[in-house]
Structure formats: C-alpha cells, structure tokens
Amino acid sequence: LLVPIGVGGILSNIPLAGMADSALEHAL
C-alpha cells in the first residue's frame, strides 16, 4: 500500500498536472 500511496502523493503535487483535481478545481 505504501508504494501506490507514495506514487499518488507525488503525482497529486506536481504543478499544472491536475491529476488529483476535479474539473472545477482545474478551472479555478
């Protein structure tokens, strides 16, 4: 579980990628 959690944490904090954002958040 820590491997996918770690990768998810990295991906969600990459600027402009918006991988963890909803469409609304991306628009904002």
mmCIF file of all heavy atoms, coordinates in Angstrom:
data_MODEL
# 
_entry.id   MODEL 
# 
loop_
_atom_site.group_PDB 
_atom_site.id 
_atom_site.type_symbol 
_atom_site.label_atom_id 
_atom_site.label_alt_id 
_atom_site.label_comp_id 
_atom_site.label_asym_id 
_atom_site.label_entity_id 
_atom_site.label_seq_id 
_atom_site.pdbx_PDB_ins_code 
_atom_site.Cartn_x 
_atom_site.Cartn_y 
_atom_site.Cartn_z 
_atom_site.occupancy 
_atom_site.B_iso_or_equiv 
_atom_site.pdbx_formal_charge 
_atom_site.auth_seq_id 
_atom_site.auth_comp_id 
_atom_site.auth_asym_id 
_atom_site.auth_atom_id 
_atom_site.pdbx_PDB_model_num 
ATOM 1   N N   . LEU A 1 1  ? 0.809   -1.221 0.000   1.00 0.00 ? 1  LEU A N   1 
ATOM 2   C CA  . LEU A 1 1  ? 0.000   0.000  0.000   1.00 0.00 ? 1  LEU A CA  1 
ATOM 3   C C   . LEU A 1 1  ? 0.841   1.269  0.000   1.00 0.00 ? 1  LEU A C   1 
ATOM 4   O O   . LEU A 1 1  ? 0.447   2.260  -0.612  1.00 0.00 ? 1  LEU A O   1 
ATOM 5   C CB  . LEU A 1 1  ? -0.952  0.010  1.193   1.00 0.00 ? 1  LEU A CB  1 
ATOM 6   C CG  . LEU A 1 1  ? -2.202  0.856  0.989   1.00 0.00 ? 1  LEU A CG  1 
ATOM 7   C CD1 . LEU A 1 1  ? -3.060  0.266  -0.120  1.00 0.00 ? 1  LEU A CD1 1 
ATOM 8   C CD2 . LEU A 1 1  ? -3.038  0.931  2.216   1.00 0.00 ? 1  LEU A CD2 1 
ATOM 9   N N   . LEU A 1 2  ? 1.991   1.251  0.666   1.00 0.00 ? 2  LEU A N   1 
ATOM 10  C CA  . LEU A 1 2  ? 2.794   2.463  0.719   1.00 0.00 ? 2  LEU A CA  1 
ATOM 11  C C   . LEU A 1 2  ? 3.390   2.833  -0.638  1.00 0.00 ? 2  LEU A C   1 
ATOM 12  O O   . LEU A 1 2  ? 3.616   4.012  -0.920  1.00 0.00 ? 2  LEU A O   1 
ATOM 13  C CB  . LEU A 1 2  ? 3.911   2.326  1.759   1.00 0.00 ? 2  LEU A CB  1 
ATOM 14  C CG  . LEU A 1 2  ? 3.488   2.408  3.230   1.00 0.00 ? 2  LEU A CG  1 
ATOM 15  C CD1 . LEU A 1 2  ? 4.708   2.481  4.139   1.00 0.00 ? 2  LEU A CD1 1 
ATOM 16  C CD2 . LEU A 1 2  ? 2.580   3.599  3.487   1.00 0.00 ? 2  LEU A CD2 1 
ATOM 17  N N   . VAL A 1 3  ? 3.658   1.846  -1.509  1.00 0.00 ? 3  VAL A N   1 
ATOM 18  C CA  . VAL A 1 3  ? 4.160   2.168  -2.847  1.00 0.00 ? 3  VAL A CA  1 
ATOM 19  C C   . VAL A 1 3  ? 3.127   2.972  -3.644  1.00 0.00 ? 3  VAL A C   1 
ATOM 20  O O   . VAL A 1 3  ? 3.439   4.055  -4.145  1.00 0.00 ? 3  VAL A O   1 
ATOM 21  C CB  . VAL A 1 3  ? 4.604   0.892  -3.601  1.00 0.00 ? 3  VAL A CB  1 
ATOM 22  C CG1 . VAL A 1 3  ? 4.807   1.200  -5.087  1.00 0.00 ? 3  VAL A CG1 1 
ATOM 23  C CG2 . VAL A 1 3  ? 5.889   0.343  -3.011  1.00 0.00 ? 3  VAL A CG2 1 
ATOM 24  N N   . PRO A 1 4  ? 1.874   2.484  -3.792  1.00 0.00 ? 4  PRO A N   1 
ATOM 25  C CA  . PRO A 1 4  ? 0.899   3.308  -4.524  1.00 0.00 ? 4  PRO A CA  1 
ATOM 26  C C   . PRO A 1 4  ? 0.547   4.609  -3.798  1.00 0.00 ? 4  PRO A C   1 
ATOM 27  O O   . PRO A 1 4  ? 0.293   5.621  -4.449  1.00 0.00 ? 4  PRO A O   1 
ATOM 28  C CB  . PRO A 1 4  ? -0.325  2.395  -4.659  1.00 0.00 ? 4  PRO A CB  1 
ATOM 29  C CG  . PRO A 1 4  ? -0.138  1.309  -3.657  1.00 0.00 ? 4  PRO A CG  1 
ATOM 30  C CD  . PRO A 1 4  ? 1.323   1.137  -3.497  1.00 0.00 ? 4  PRO A CD  1 
ATOM 31  N N   . ILE A 1 5  ? 0.541   4.614  -2.460  1.00 0.00 ? 5  ILE A N   1 
ATOM 32  C CA  . ILE A 1 5  ? 0.278   5.865  -1.735  1.00 0.00 ? 5  ILE A CA  1 
ATOM 33  C C   . ILE A 1 5  ? 1.378   6.876  -2.023  1.00 0.00 ? 5  ILE A C   1 
ATOM 34  O O   . ILE A 1 5  ? 1.110   8.053  -2.285  1.00 0.00 ? 5  ILE A O   1 
ATOM 35  C CB  . ILE A 1 5  ? 0.161   5.614  -0.216  1.00 0.00 ? 5  ILE A CB  1 
ATOM 36  C CG1 . ILE A 1 5  ? -1.148  4.894  0.119   1.00 0.00 ? 5  ILE A CG1 1 
ATOM 37  C CG2 . ILE A 1 5  ? 0.206   6.948  0.547   1.00 0.00 ? 5  ILE A CG2 1 
ATOM 38  C CD1 . ILE A 1 5  ? -1.310  4.577  1.601   1.00 0.00 ? 5  ILE A CD1 1 
ATOM 39  N N   . GLY A 1 6  ? 2.632   6.427  -1.964  1.00 0.00 ? 6  GLY A N   1 
ATOM 40  C CA  . GLY A 1 6  ? 3.747   7.324  -2.246  1.00 0.00 ? 6  GLY A CA  1 
ATOM 41  C C   . GLY A 1 6  ? 3.698   7.887  -3.651  1.00 0.00 ? 6  GLY A C   1 
ATOM 42  O O   . GLY A 1 6  ? 3.893   9.093  -3.860  1.00 0.00 ? 6  GLY A O   1 
ATOM 43  N N   . VAL A 1 7  ? 3.426   7.028  -4.645  1.00 0.00 ? 7  VAL A N   1 
ATOM 44  C CA  . VAL A 1 7  ? 3.332   7.491  -6.032  1.00 0.00 ? 7  VAL A CA  1 
ATOM 45  C C   . VAL A 1 7  ? 2.156   8.452  -6.188  1.00 0.00 ? 7  VAL A C   1 
ATOM 46  O O   . VAL A 1 7  ? 2.266   9.492  -6.848  1.00 0.00 ? 7  VAL A O   1 
ATOM 47  C CB  . VAL A 1 7  ? 3.191   6.298  -6.995  1.00 0.00 ? 7  VAL A CB  1 
ATOM 48  C CG1 . VAL A 1 7  ? 2.892   6.786  -8.408  1.00 0.00 ? 7  VAL A CG1 1 
ATOM 49  C CG2 . VAL A 1 7  ? 4.457   5.451  -6.986  1.00 0.00 ? 7  VAL A CG2 1 
ATOM 50  N N   . GLY A 1 8  ? 1.013   8.121  -5.576  1.00 0.00 ? 8  GLY A N   1 
ATOM 51  C CA  . GLY A 1 8  ? -0.138  9.009  -5.639  1.00 0.00 ? 8  GLY A CA  1 
ATOM 52  C C   . GLY A 1 8  ? 0.146   10.367 -5.021  1.00 0.00 ? 8  GLY A C   1 
ATOM 53  O O   . GLY A 1 8  ? -0.275  11.402 -5.549  1.00 0.00 ? 8  GLY A O   1 
ATOM 54  N N   . GLY A 1 9  ? 0.897   10.374 -3.898  1.00 0.00 ? 9  GLY A N   1 
ATOM 55  C CA  . GLY A 1 9  ? 1.267   11.630 -3.263  1.00 0.00 ? 9  GLY A CA  1 
ATOM 56  C C   . GLY A 1 9  ? 2.163   12.479 -4.142  1.00 0.00 ? 9  GLY A C   1 
ATOM 57  O O   . GLY A 1 9  ? 2.024   13.707 -4.196  1.00 0.00 ? 9  GLY A O   1 
ATOM 58  N N   . ILE A 1 10 ? 3.089   11.847 -4.844  1.00 0.00 ? 10 ILE A N   1 
ATOM 59  C CA  . ILE A 1 10 ? 3.974   12.576 -5.761  1.00 0.00 ? 10 ILE A CA  1 
ATOM 60  C C   . ILE A 1 10 ? 3.180   13.158 -6.923  1.00 0.00 ? 10 ILE A C   1 
ATOM 61  O O   . ILE A 1 10 ? 3.299   14.347 -7.252  1.00 0.00 ? 10 ILE A O   1 
ATOM 62  C CB  . ILE A 1 10 ? 5.093   11.651 -6.271  1.00 0.00 ? 10 ILE A CB  1 
ATOM 63  C CG1 . ILE A 1 10 ? 6.019   11.253 -5.121  1.00 0.00 ? 10 ILE A CG1 1 
ATOM 64  C CG2 . ILE A 1 10 ? 5.888   12.337 -7.387  1.00 0.00 ? 10 ILE A CG2 1 
ATOM 65  C CD1 . ILE A 1 10 ? 7.031   10.178 -5.489  1.00 0.00 ? 10 ILE A CD1 1 
ATOM 66  N N   . LEU A 1 11 ? 2.352   12.331 -7.551  1.00 0.00 ? 11 LEU A N   1 
ATOM 67  C CA  . LEU A 1 11 ? 1.591   12.772 -8.719  1.00 0.00 ? 11 LEU A CA  1 
ATOM 68  C C   . LEU A 1 11 ? 0.610   13.887 -8.378  1.00 0.00 ? 11 LEU A C   1 
ATOM 69  O O   . LEU A 1 11 ? 0.405   14.809 -9.173  1.00 0.00 ? 11 LEU A O   1 
ATOM 70  C CB  . LEU A 1 11 ? 0.835   11.589 -9.331  1.00 0.00 ? 11 LEU A CB  1 
ATOM 71  C CG  . LEU A 1 11 ? 1.686   10.483 -9.969  1.00 0.00 ? 11 LEU A CG  1 
ATOM 72  C CD1 . LEU A 1 11 ? 0.792   9.343  -10.452 1.00 0.00 ? 11 LEU A CD1 1 
ATOM 73  C CD2 . LEU A 1 11 ? 2.517   11.033 -11.120 1.00 0.00 ? 11 LEU A CD2 1 
ATOM 74  N N   . SER A 1 12 ? 0.003   13.819 -7.185  1.00 0.00 ? 12 SER A N   1 
ATOM 75  C CA  . SER A 1 12 ? -1.001  14.817 -6.816  1.00 0.00 ? 12 SER A CA  1 
ATOM 76  C C   . SER A 1 12 ? -0.396  16.186 -6.528  1.00 0.00 ? 12 SER A C   1 
ATOM 77  O O   . SER A 1 12 ? -1.129  17.186 -6.486  1.00 0.00 ? 12 SER A O   1 
ATOM 78  C CB  . SER A 1 12 ? -1.799  14.337 -5.592  1.00 0.00 ? 12 SER A CB  1 
ATOM 79  O OG  . SER A 1 12 ? -0.972  14.225 -4.449  1.00 0.00 ? 12 SER A OG  1 
ATOM 80  N N   . ASN A 1 13 ? 0.926   16.255 -6.333  1.00 0.00 ? 13 ASN A N   1 
ATOM 81  C CA  . ASN A 1 13 ? 1.576   17.523 -6.011  1.00 0.00 ? 13 ASN A CA  1 
ATOM 82  C C   . ASN A 1 13 ? 2.422   18.088 -7.151  1.00 0.00 ? 13 ASN A C   1 
ATOM 83  O O   . ASN A 1 13 ? 3.148   19.068 -6.958  1.00 0.00 ? 13 ASN A O   1 
ATOM 84  C CB  . ASN A 1 13 ? 2.444   17.360 -4.758  1.00 0.00 ? 13 ASN A CB  1 
ATOM 85  C CG  . ASN A 1 13 ? 1.618   17.287 -3.484  1.00 0.00 ? 13 ASN A CG  1 
ATOM 86  O OD1 . ASN A 1 13 ? 1.143   18.300 -2.966  1.00 0.00 ? 13 ASN A OD1 1 
ATOM 87  N ND2 . ASN A 1 13 ? 1.427   16.078 -2.983  1.00 0.00 ? 13 ASN A ND2 1 
ATOM 88  N N   . ILE A 1 14 ? 2.328   17.491 -8.319  1.00 0.00 ? 14 ILE A N   1 
ATOM 89  C CA  . ILE A 1 14 ? 3.030   18.026 -9.484  1.00 0.00 ? 14 ILE A CA  1 
ATOM 90  C C   . ILE A 1 14 ? 2.234   19.209 -10.042 1.00 0.00 ? 14 ILE A C   1 
ATOM 91  O O   . ILE A 1 14 ? 1.077   19.050 -10.431 1.00 0.00 ? 14 ILE A O   1 
ATOM 92  C CB  . ILE A 1 14 ? 3.214   16.946 -10.556 1.00 0.00 ? 14 ILE A CB  1 
ATOM 93  C CG1 . ILE A 1 14 ? 4.136   15.846 -10.030 1.00 0.00 ? 14 ILE A CG1 1 
ATOM 94  C CG2 . ILE A 1 14 ? 3.793   17.557 -11.828 1.00 0.00 ? 14 ILE A CG2 1 
ATOM 95  C CD1 . ILE A 1 14 ? 4.419   14.781 -10.928 1.00 0.00 ? 14 ILE A CD1 1 
ATOM 96  N N   . PRO A 1 15 ? 2.819   20.401 -10.079 1.00 0.00 ? 15 PRO A N   1 
ATOM 97  C CA  . PRO A 1 15 ? 2.088   21.579 -10.564 1.00 0.00 ? 15 PRO A CA  1 
ATOM 98  C C   . PRO A 1 15 ? 1.619   21.422 -12.005 1.00 0.00 ? 15 PRO A C   1 
ATOM 99  O O   . PRO A 1 15 ? 2.286   20.791 -12.821 1.00 0.00 ? 15 PRO A O   1 
ATOM 100 C CB  . PRO A 1 15 ? 3.121   22.706 -10.437 1.00 0.00 ? 15 PRO A CB  1 
ATOM 101 C CG  . PRO A 1 15 ? 4.138   22.201 -9.475  1.00 0.00 ? 15 PRO A CG  1 
ATOM 102 C CD  . PRO A 1 15 ? 4.193   20.714 -9.664  1.00 0.00 ? 15 PRO A CD  1 
ATOM 103 N N   . LEU A 1 16 ? 0.442   21.964 -12.264 1.00 0.00 ? 16 LEU A N   1 
ATOM 104 C CA  . LEU A 1 16 ? -0.179  22.024 -13.593 1.00 0.00 ? 16 LEU A CA  1 
ATOM 105 C C   . LEU A 1 16 ? -0.728  20.680 -14.072 1.00 0.00 ? 16 LEU A C   1 
ATOM 106 O O   . LEU A 1 16 ? -1.581  20.649 -14.950 1.00 0.00 ? 16 LEU A O   1 
ATOM 107 C CB  . LEU A 1 16 ? 0.790   22.561 -14.664 1.00 0.00 ? 16 LEU A CB  1 
ATOM 108 C CG  . LEU A 1 16 ? 1.404   23.929 -14.406 1.00 0.00 ? 16 LEU A CG  1 
ATOM 109 C CD1 . LEU A 1 16 ? 2.305   24.313 -15.587 1.00 0.00 ? 16 LEU A CD1 1 
ATOM 110 C CD2 . LEU A 1 16 ? 0.356   24.985 -14.193 1.00 0.00 ? 16 LEU A CD2 1 
ATOM 111 N N   . ALA A 1 17 ? -0.273  19.571 -13.502 1.00 0.00 ? 17 ALA A N   1 
ATOM 112 C CA  . ALA A 1 17 ? -0.746  18.265 -13.958 1.00 0.00 ? 17 ALA A CA  1 
ATOM 113 C C   . ALA A 1 17 ? -2.211  18.057 -13.603 1.00 0.00 ? 17 ALA A C   1 
ATOM 114 O O   . ALA A 1 17 ? -2.964  17.471 -14.382 1.00 0.00 ? 17 ALA A O   1 
ATOM 115 C CB  . ALA A 1 17 ? 0.111   17.151 -13.370 1.00 0.00 ? 17 ALA A CB  1 
ATOM 116 N N   . GLY A 1 18 ? -2.614  18.516 -12.436 1.00 0.00 ? 18 GLY A N   1 
ATOM 117 C CA  . GLY A 1 18 ? -4.018  18.431 -12.021 1.00 0.00 ? 18 GLY A CA  1 
ATOM 118 C C   . GLY A 1 18 ? -4.564  17.022 -11.921 1.00 0.00 ? 18 GLY A C   1 
ATOM 119 O O   . GLY A 1 18 ? -5.764  16.808 -12.089 1.00 0.00 ? 18 GLY A O   1 
ATOM 120 N N   . MET A 1 19 ? -3.710  16.048 -11.599 1.00 0.00 ? 19 MET A N   1 
ATOM 121 C CA  . MET A 1 19 ? -4.152  14.656 -11.599 1.00 0.00 ? 19 MET A CA  1 
ATOM 122 C C   . MET A 1 19 ? -5.110  14.330 -10.458 1.00 0.00 ? 19 MET A C   1 
ATOM 123 O O   . MET A 1 19 ? -5.900  13.405 -10.549 1.00 0.00 ? 19 MET A O   1 
ATOM 124 C CB  . MET A 1 19 ? -2.933  13.729 -11.544 1.00 0.00 ? 19 MET A CB  1 
ATOM 125 C CG  . MET A 1 19 ? -2.026  13.853 -12.744 1.00 0.00 ? 19 MET A CG  1 
ATOM 126 S SD  . MET A 1 19 ? -0.646  12.689 -12.736 1.00 0.00 ? 19 MET A SD  1 
ATOM 127 C CE  . MET A 1 19 ? -1.509  11.144 -12.976 1.00 0.00 ? 19 MET A CE  1 
ATOM 128 N N   . ALA A 1 20 ? -5.031  15.108 -9.379  1.00 0.00 ? 20 ALA A N   1 
ATOM 129 C CA  . ALA A 1 20 ? -5.930  14.881 -8.248  1.00 0.00 ? 20 ALA A CA  1 
ATOM 130 C C   . ALA A 1 20 ? -7.045  15.916 -8.177  1.00 0.00 ? 20 ALA A C   1 
ATOM 131 O O   . ALA A 1 20 ? -7.815  15.932 -7.221  1.00 0.00 ? 20 ALA A O   1 
ATOM 132 C CB  . ALA A 1 20 ? -5.139  14.882 -6.937  1.00 0.00 ? 20 ALA A CB  1 
ATOM 133 N N   . ASP A 1 21 ? -7.136  16.773 -9.193  1.00 0.00 ? 21 ASP A N   1 
ATOM 134 C CA  . ASP A 1 21 ? -8.122  17.850 -9.199  1.00 0.00 ? 21 ASP A CA  1 
ATOM 135 C C   . ASP A 1 21 ? -9.387  17.445 -9.951  1.00 0.00 ? 21 ASP A C   1 
ATOM 136 O O   . ASP A 1 21 ? -9.328  16.728 -10.953 1.00 0.00 ? 21 ASP A O   1 
ATOM 137 C CB  . ASP A 1 21 ? -7.552  19.115 -9.856  1.00 0.00 ? 21 ASP A CB  1 
ATOM 138 C CG  . ASP A 1 21 ? -6.396  19.707 -9.063  1.00 0.00 ? 21 ASP A CG  1 
ATOM 139 O OD1 . ASP A 1 21 ? -6.323  19.453 -7.845  1.00 0.00 ? 21 ASP A OD1 1 
ATOM 140 O OD2 . ASP A 1 21 ? -5.557  20.420 -9.669  1.00 0.00 ? 21 ASP A OD2 1 
ATOM 141 N N   . SER A 1 22 ? -10.517 17.937 -9.472  1.00 0.00 ? 22 SER A N   1 
ATOM 142 C CA  . SER A 1 22 ? -11.751 17.827 -10.245 1.00 0.00 ? 22 SER A CA  1 
ATOM 143 C C   . SER A 1 22 ? -11.707 18.832 -11.392 1.00 0.00 ? 22 SER A C   1 
ATOM 144 O O   . SER A 1 22 ? -10.840 19.718 -11.428 1.00 0.00 ? 22 SER A O   1 
ATOM 145 C CB  . SER A 1 22 ? -12.953 18.104 -9.344  1.00 0.00 ? 22 SER A CB  1 
ATOM 146 O OG  . SER A 1 22 ? -12.927 19.448 -8.886  1.00 0.00 ? 22 SER A OG  1 
ATOM 147 N N   . ALA A 1 23 ? -12.644 18.706 -12.311 1.00 0.00 ? 23 ALA A N   1 
ATOM 148 C CA  . ALA A 1 23 ? -12.713 19.652 -13.423 1.00 0.00 ? 23 ALA A CA  1 
ATOM 149 C C   . ALA A 1 23 ? -12.912 21.078 -12.908 1.00 0.00 ? 23 ALA A C   1 
ATOM 150 O O   . ALA A 1 23 ? -12.332 22.033 -13.435 1.00 0.00 ? 23 ALA A O   1 
ATOM 151 C CB  . ALA A 1 23 ? -13.844 19.260 -14.369 1.00 0.00 ? 23 ALA A CB  1 
ATOM 152 N N   . LEU A 1 24 ? -13.716 21.231 -11.858 1.00 0.00 ? 24 LEU A N   1 
ATOM 153 C CA  . LEU A 1 24 ? -13.945 22.557 -11.279 1.00 0.00 ? 24 LEU A CA  1 
ATOM 154 C C   . LEU A 1 24 ? -12.655 23.129 -10.706 1.00 0.00 ? 24 LEU A C   1 
ATOM 155 O O   . LEU A 1 24 ? -12.330 24.302 -10.936 1.00 0.00 ? 24 LEU A O   1 
ATOM 156 C CB  . LEU A 1 24 ? -15.013 22.483 -10.190 1.00 0.00 ? 24 LEU A CB  1 
ATOM 157 C CG  . LEU A 1 24 ? -15.229 23.786 -9.410  1.00 0.00 ? 24 LEU A CG  1 
ATOM 158 C CD1 . LEU A 1 24 ? -15.771 24.883 -10.316 1.00 0.00 ? 24 LEU A CD1 1 
ATOM 159 C CD2 . LEU A 1 24 ? -16.159 23.578 -8.218  1.00 0.00 ? 24 LEU A CD2 1 
ATOM 160 N N   . GLU A 1 25 ? -11.918 22.326 -9.936  1.00 0.00 ? 25 GLU A N   1 
ATOM 161 C CA  . GLU A 1 25 ? -10.664 22.797 -9.356  1.00 0.00 ? 25 GLU A CA  1 
ATOM 162 C C   . GLU A 1 25 ? -9.681  23.198 -10.451 1.00 0.00 ? 25 GLU A C   1 
ATOM 163 O O   . GLU A 1 25 ? -8.981  24.200 -10.332 1.00 0.00 ? 25 GLU A O   1 
ATOM 164 C CB  . GLU A 1 25 ? -10.073 21.721 -8.449  1.00 0.00 ? 25 GLU A CB  1 
ATOM 165 C CG  . GLU A 1 25 ? -10.872 21.498 -7.168  1.00 0.00 ? 25 GLU A CG  1 
ATOM 166 C CD  . GLU A 1 25 ? -10.410 20.269 -6.405  1.00 0.00 ? 25 GLU A CD  1 
ATOM 167 O OE1 . GLU A 1 25 ? -10.176 19.219 -7.044  1.00 0.00 ? 25 GLU A OE1 1 
ATOM 168 O OE2 . GLU A 1 25 ? -10.298 20.347 -5.171  1.00 0.00 ? 25 GLU A OE2 1 
ATOM 169 N N   . HIS A 1 26 ? -9.632  22.414 -11.524 1.00 0.00 ? 26 HIS A N   1 
ATOM 170 C CA  . HIS A 1 26 ? -8.753  22.747 -12.646 1.00 0.00 ? 26 HIS A CA  1 
ATOM 171 C C   . HIS A 1 26 ? -9.163  24.084 -13.263 1.00 0.00 ? 26 HIS A C   1 
ATOM 172 O O   . HIS A 1 26 ? -8.306  24.908 -13.617 1.00 0.00 ? 26 HIS A O   1 
ATOM 173 C CB  . HIS A 1 26 ? -8.816  21.638 -13.696 1.00 0.00 ? 26 HIS A CB  1 
ATOM 174 C CG  . HIS A 1 26 ? -7.728  21.721 -14.715 1.00 0.00 ? 26 HIS A CG  1 
ATOM 175 N ND1 . HIS A 1 26 ? -7.850  22.464 -15.877 1.00 0.00 ? 26 HIS A ND1 1 
ATOM 176 C CD2 . HIS A 1 26 ? -6.490  21.161 -14.756 1.00 0.00 ? 26 HIS A CD2 1 
ATOM 177 C CE1 . HIS A 1 26 ? -6.748  22.343 -16.585 1.00 0.00 ? 26 HIS A CE1 1 
ATOM 178 N NE2 . HIS A 1 26 ? -5.899  21.567 -15.926 1.00 0.00 ? 26 HIS A NE2 1 
ATOM 179 N N   . ALA A 1 27 ? -10.459 24.309 -13.359 1.00 0.00 ? 27 ALA A N   1 
ATOM 180 C CA  . ALA A 1 27 ? -10.955 25.572 -13.912 1.00 0.00 ? 27 ALA A CA  1 
ATOM 181 C C   . ALA A 1 27 ? -10.625 26.745 -12.995 1.00 0.00 ? 27 ALA A C   1 
ATOM 182 O O   . ALA A 1 27 ? -10.263 27.833 -13.462 1.00 0.00 ? 27 ALA A O   1 
ATOM 183 C CB  . ALA A 1 27 ? -12.464 25.483 -14.136 1.00 0.00 ? 27 ALA A CB  1 
ATOM 184 N N   . LEU A 1 28 ? -10.739 26.554 -11.684 1.00 0.00 ? 28 LEU A N   1 
ATOM 185 C CA  . LEU A 1 28 ? -10.436 27.618 -10.731 1.00 0.00 ? 28 LEU A CA  1 
ATOM 186 C C   . LEU A 1 28 ? -8.967  28.019 -10.775 1.00 0.00 ? 28 LEU A C   1 
ATOM 187 O O   . LEU A 1 28 ? -8.618  29.191 -10.643 1.00 0.00 ? 28 LEU A O   1 
ATOM 188 C CB  . LEU A 1 28 ? -10.815 27.185 -9.315  1.00 0.00 ? 28 LEU A CB  1 
ATOM 189 C CG  . LEU A 1 28 ? -12.310 27.033 -9.012  1.00 0.00 ? 28 LEU A CG  1 
ATOM 190 C CD1 . LEU A 1 28 ? -12.507 26.443 -7.622  1.00 0.00 ? 28 LEU A CD1 1 
ATOM 191 C CD2 . LEU A 1 28 ? -13.031 28.369 -9.130  1.00 0.00 ? 28 LEU A CD2 1 
# 
